[in-house]
Amino acid sequence: MIDTTPPPAFFGYGSLVNLATHAYPDPVPARLQGWRRVWKHSARRPVAFLSVEPVAGAEIRGVLAHVPGGDWAALDRREQAYRRRDVTDQVIHERSRRRVAVYEAARGHLAPPSTEHPILLSYLDVVIQGYLNLLGREGVAHFFATTAGFATPIVDDRHAPRYPRHQPLSRGERRLVDTALADIGARVFPARS
């Protein structure tokens, strides 16, 4: 008997939206209802990172991609500070019904926002480049409009990127990120040597 069950999938809302950072097959745009994107802080990480949290009435856009053979091990390693949550009934996409998971920051490791845990601009650049390539300028605007926690300082580490999956940005992409940050009044500081 042939198994026709579609492979499970993940909903990516941060760096996983940038398809240059992974090779998971068949990525398509999708929406996650009842969740919002937020910058989080952890005692285990020196920088802020994106997560999601349940919020009634909220919706975020992102990417849906297959996890071949249901082998979550590599993705679980990449997302090691997170826990995988089933969101099958909250994801809207054009694919046949499949199990869908999202990664949410593990609550036991979270810390209050602080200047000791800044957002890395090299990480944010990767996320915005992903949204631009997947969903266009509207996707970028949606990201900024639906992401909480931008009061956290941002460190400009573009000259020596600290984010391990950083990607080169065109002049236009950098200008898009910089303009969006200025529009929301984000505080961007030069990286310390």
Protein backbone atom coordinates (compact mmCIF):
# COMPACT_ATOMS: atom_id res chain seq x y z
CA MET A 1 0.00 0.00 0.00
CA ILE A 2 1.35 3.42 -0.95
CA ASP A 3 1.33 6.10 1.73
CA THR A 4 -0.32 9.20 0.25
CA THR A 5 -0.21 11.23 3.45
CA PRO A 6 1.38 14.58 2.66
CA PRO A 7 4.62 15.25 4.56
CA PRO A 8 4.34 17.52 7.58
CA ALA A 9 5.33 21.15 7.22
CA PHE A 10 6.57 24.07 9.27
CA PHE A 11 5.39 27.65 9.32
CA GLY A 12 8.38 30.02 9.21
CA TYR A 13 7.97 33.63 10.31
CA GLY A 14 11.58 34.86 10.76
CA SER A 15 14.83 33.75 9.14
CA LEU A 16 13.13 30.62 7.73
CA VAL A 17 11.21 32.94 5.38
CA ASN A 18 14.55 33.61 3.68
CA LEU A 19 14.81 30.58 1.39
CA ALA A 20 18.58 31.11 1.01
CA THR A 21 19.01 29.96 4.64
CA HIS A 22 17.62 26.45 4.13
CA ALA A 23 16.72 23.86 1.51
CA TYR A 24 13.32 22.66 2.73
CA PRO A 25 11.19 21.77 -0.31
CA ASP A 26 8.08 23.31 -1.80
CA PRO A 27 7.96 26.62 0.10
CA VAL A 28 4.77 28.65 -0.35
CA PRO A 29 3.38 31.77 1.32
CA ALA A 30 1.01 31.07 4.20
CA ARG A 31 -0.73 32.85 7.08
CA LEU A 32 -0.89 31.92 10.76
CA GLN A 33 -4.02 33.02 12.61
CA GLY A 34 -4.21 33.67 16.34
CA TRP A 35 -0.47 34.37 16.74
CA ARG A 36 1.75 37.44 16.64
CA ARG A 37 5.48 37.78 16.00
CA VAL A 38 7.56 39.29 18.82
CA TRP A 39 11.19 39.92 19.73
CA LYS A 40 12.19 37.79 22.73
CA HIS A 41 15.18 37.65 25.05
CA SER A 42 16.87 34.71 26.75
CA ALA A 43 19.52 34.26 29.38
CA ARG A 44 20.97 31.62 27.02
CA ARG A 45 21.49 34.01 24.10
CA PRO A 46 23.40 37.30 23.97
CA VAL A 47 20.95 38.76 21.41
CA ALA A 48 17.20 39.13 20.89
CA PHE A 49 15.45 36.69 18.58
CA LEU A 50 12.06 36.35 16.94
CA SER A 51 9.34 34.17 18.34
CA VAL A 52 5.57 33.95 18.22
CA GLU A 53 2.94 34.06 20.92
CA PRO A 54 -0.78 33.37 20.84
CA VAL A 55 -2.93 36.51 20.54
CA ALA A 56 -6.63 36.33 19.72
CA GLY A 57 -7.45 38.01 16.43
CA ALA A 58 -3.82 38.39 15.32
CA GLU A 59 -2.44 37.06 12.04
CA ILE A 60 1.05 36.92 10.57
CA ARG A 61 2.35 35.99 7.14
CA GLY A 62 5.23 33.67 6.51
CA VAL A 63 6.30 30.57 4.64
CA LEU A 64 5.11 26.97 4.69
CA ALA A 65 7.61 24.28 3.65
CA HIS A 66 7.74 20.48 3.80
CA VAL A 67 9.73 18.50 6.33
CA PRO A 68 10.72 15.50 4.16
CA GLY A 69 9.81 12.16 5.69
CA GLY A 70 8.71 13.92 8.87
CA ASP A 71 12.37 14.05 9.91
CA TRP A 72 12.37 17.06 12.25
CA ALA A 73 15.87 16.45 13.69
CA ALA A 74 17.82 19.00 11.58
CA LEU A 75 15.17 21.70 11.96
CA ASP A 76 14.88 21.03 15.70
CA ARG A 77 18.67 21.53 15.99
CA ARG A 78 18.49 24.81 14.07
CA GLU A 79 15.63 25.98 16.30
CA GLN A 80 17.08 24.60 19.54
CA ALA A 81 15.93 27.48 21.78
CA TYR A 82 12.35 26.85 20.63
CA ARG A 83 9.67 24.25 21.13
CA ARG A 84 7.63 22.92 18.24
CA ARG A 85 3.87 23.54 18.45
CA ASP A 86 1.12 22.08 16.27
CA VAL A 87 -0.76 24.86 14.47
CA THR A 88 -2.42 22.77 11.76
CA ASP A 89 -5.85 24.32 12.31
CA GLN A 90 -4.49 27.88 12.42
CA VAL A 91 -2.49 27.94 9.18
CA ILE A 92 -4.08 29.13 5.95
CA HIS A 93 -2.40 27.93 2.76
CA GLU A 94 -3.22 26.53 -0.65
CA ARG A 95 -1.90 23.03 0.01
CA SER A 96 -3.84 19.91 0.90
CA ARG A 97 -4.30 19.34 4.62
CA ARG A 98 -1.08 18.39 6.32
CA ARG A 99 0.27 18.64 9.84
CA VAL A 100 1.91 22.04 10.39
CA ALA A 101 4.14 23.12 13.25
CA VAL A 102 5.54 26.46 14.33
CA TYR A 103 8.52 27.09 16.58
CA GLU A 104 7.81 29.13 19.71
CA ALA A 105 10.50 30.25 22.17
CA ALA A 106 10.79 27.84 25.09
CA ARG A 107 9.24 29.71 28.02
CA GLY A 108 11.70 28.43 30.62
CA HIS A 109 14.56 30.27 28.92
CA LEU A 110 12.97 33.69 28.43
CA ALA A 111 14.23 36.84 30.12
CA PRO A 112 12.83 40.39 30.27
CA PRO A 113 13.84 42.78 27.46
CA SER A 114 17.16 44.52 28.09
CA THR A 115 19.86 46.47 26.35
CA GLU A 116 22.18 43.50 26.98
CA HIS A 117 20.15 41.50 24.42
CA PRO A 118 20.01 43.69 21.28
CA ILE A 119 18.59 42.77 17.88
CA LEU A 120 21.34 42.01 15.36
CA LEU A 121 20.88 43.99 12.16
CA SER A 122 22.48 41.09 10.23
CA TYR A 123 19.63 38.84 11.48
CA LEU A 124 16.93 41.40 10.72
CA ASP A 125 18.42 41.92 7.24
CA VAL A 126 18.04 38.19 6.52
CA VAL A 127 14.43 38.20 7.68
CA ILE A 128 13.48 41.29 5.64
CA GLN A 129 15.26 39.99 2.54
CA GLY A 130 13.20 36.81 2.89
CA TYR A 131 9.92 38.71 3.17
CA LEU A 132 10.85 40.91 0.22
CA ASN A 133 11.65 37.91 -1.98
CA LEU A 134 8.62 35.86 -0.89
CA LEU A 135 5.92 38.51 -0.45
CA GLY A 136 7.30 41.75 -1.93
CA ARG A 137 7.25 45.18 -0.31
CA GLU A 138 3.77 44.50 1.08
CA GLY A 139 5.21 41.52 2.96
CA VAL A 140 7.97 43.72 4.41
CA ALA A 141 5.41 46.33 5.52
CA HIS A 142 3.30 43.56 7.08
CA PHE A 143 6.35 42.24 8.97
CA PHE A 144 7.04 45.62 10.57
CA ALA A 145 3.35 46.29 11.28
CA THR A 146 2.80 42.90 12.97
CA THR A 147 6.03 42.46 14.96
CA ALA A 148 6.12 43.57 18.61
CA GLY A 149 9.23 44.52 20.56
CA PHE A 150 11.05 46.95 18.31
CA ALA A 151 11.83 49.08 21.39
CA THR A 152 14.80 46.75 21.81
CA PRO A 153 18.03 48.40 20.59
CA ILE A 154 19.42 47.19 17.25
CA VAL A 155 23.16 46.70 16.78
CA ASP A 156 24.49 47.44 13.29
CA ASP A 157 26.83 44.49 12.74
CA ARG A 158 26.66 44.56 8.93
CA HIS A 159 30.44 45.08 8.54
CA ALA A 160 31.17 41.99 10.67
CA PRO A 161 27.93 39.99 10.78
CA ARG A 162 27.39 37.99 13.95
CA TYR A 163 24.33 36.14 12.64
CA PRO A 164 25.63 32.78 11.31
CA ARG A 165 23.24 32.60 8.33
CA HIS A 166 23.67 36.22 7.24
CA GLN A 167 23.17 36.98 3.54
CA PRO A 168 24.58 39.74 1.34
CA LEU A 169 22.06 42.52 0.69
CA SER A 170 21.87 44.78 -2.30
CA ARG A 171 22.06 48.55 -1.78
CA GLY A 172 18.31 48.73 -2.38
CA GLU A 173 17.59 46.02 0.21
CA ARG A 174 19.73 47.80 2.81
CA ARG A 175 17.97 51.07 2.06
CA LEU A 176 14.57 49.34 2.44
CA VAL A 177 15.53 47.98 5.89
CA ASP A 178 17.06 51.26 7.04
CA THR A 179 14.05 53.29 5.91
CA ALA A 180 11.60 50.93 7.61
CA LEU A 181 13.59 51.12 10.86
CA ALA A 182 13.66 54.92 10.69
CA ASP A 183 9.90 54.98 10.02
CA ILE A 184 9.17 53.03 13.23
CA GLY A 185 11.68 55.04 15.28
CA ALA A 186 13.95 52.06 15.99
CA ARG A 187 17.21 52.75 17.82
CA VAL A 188 20.19 51.50 15.78
CA PHE A 189 23.68 51.61 17.32
CA PRO A 190 27.08 50.78 15.82
CA ALA A 191 28.54 47.44 16.88
CA ARG A 192 31.34 47.57 19.41
CA SER A 193 34.75 46.50 18.17
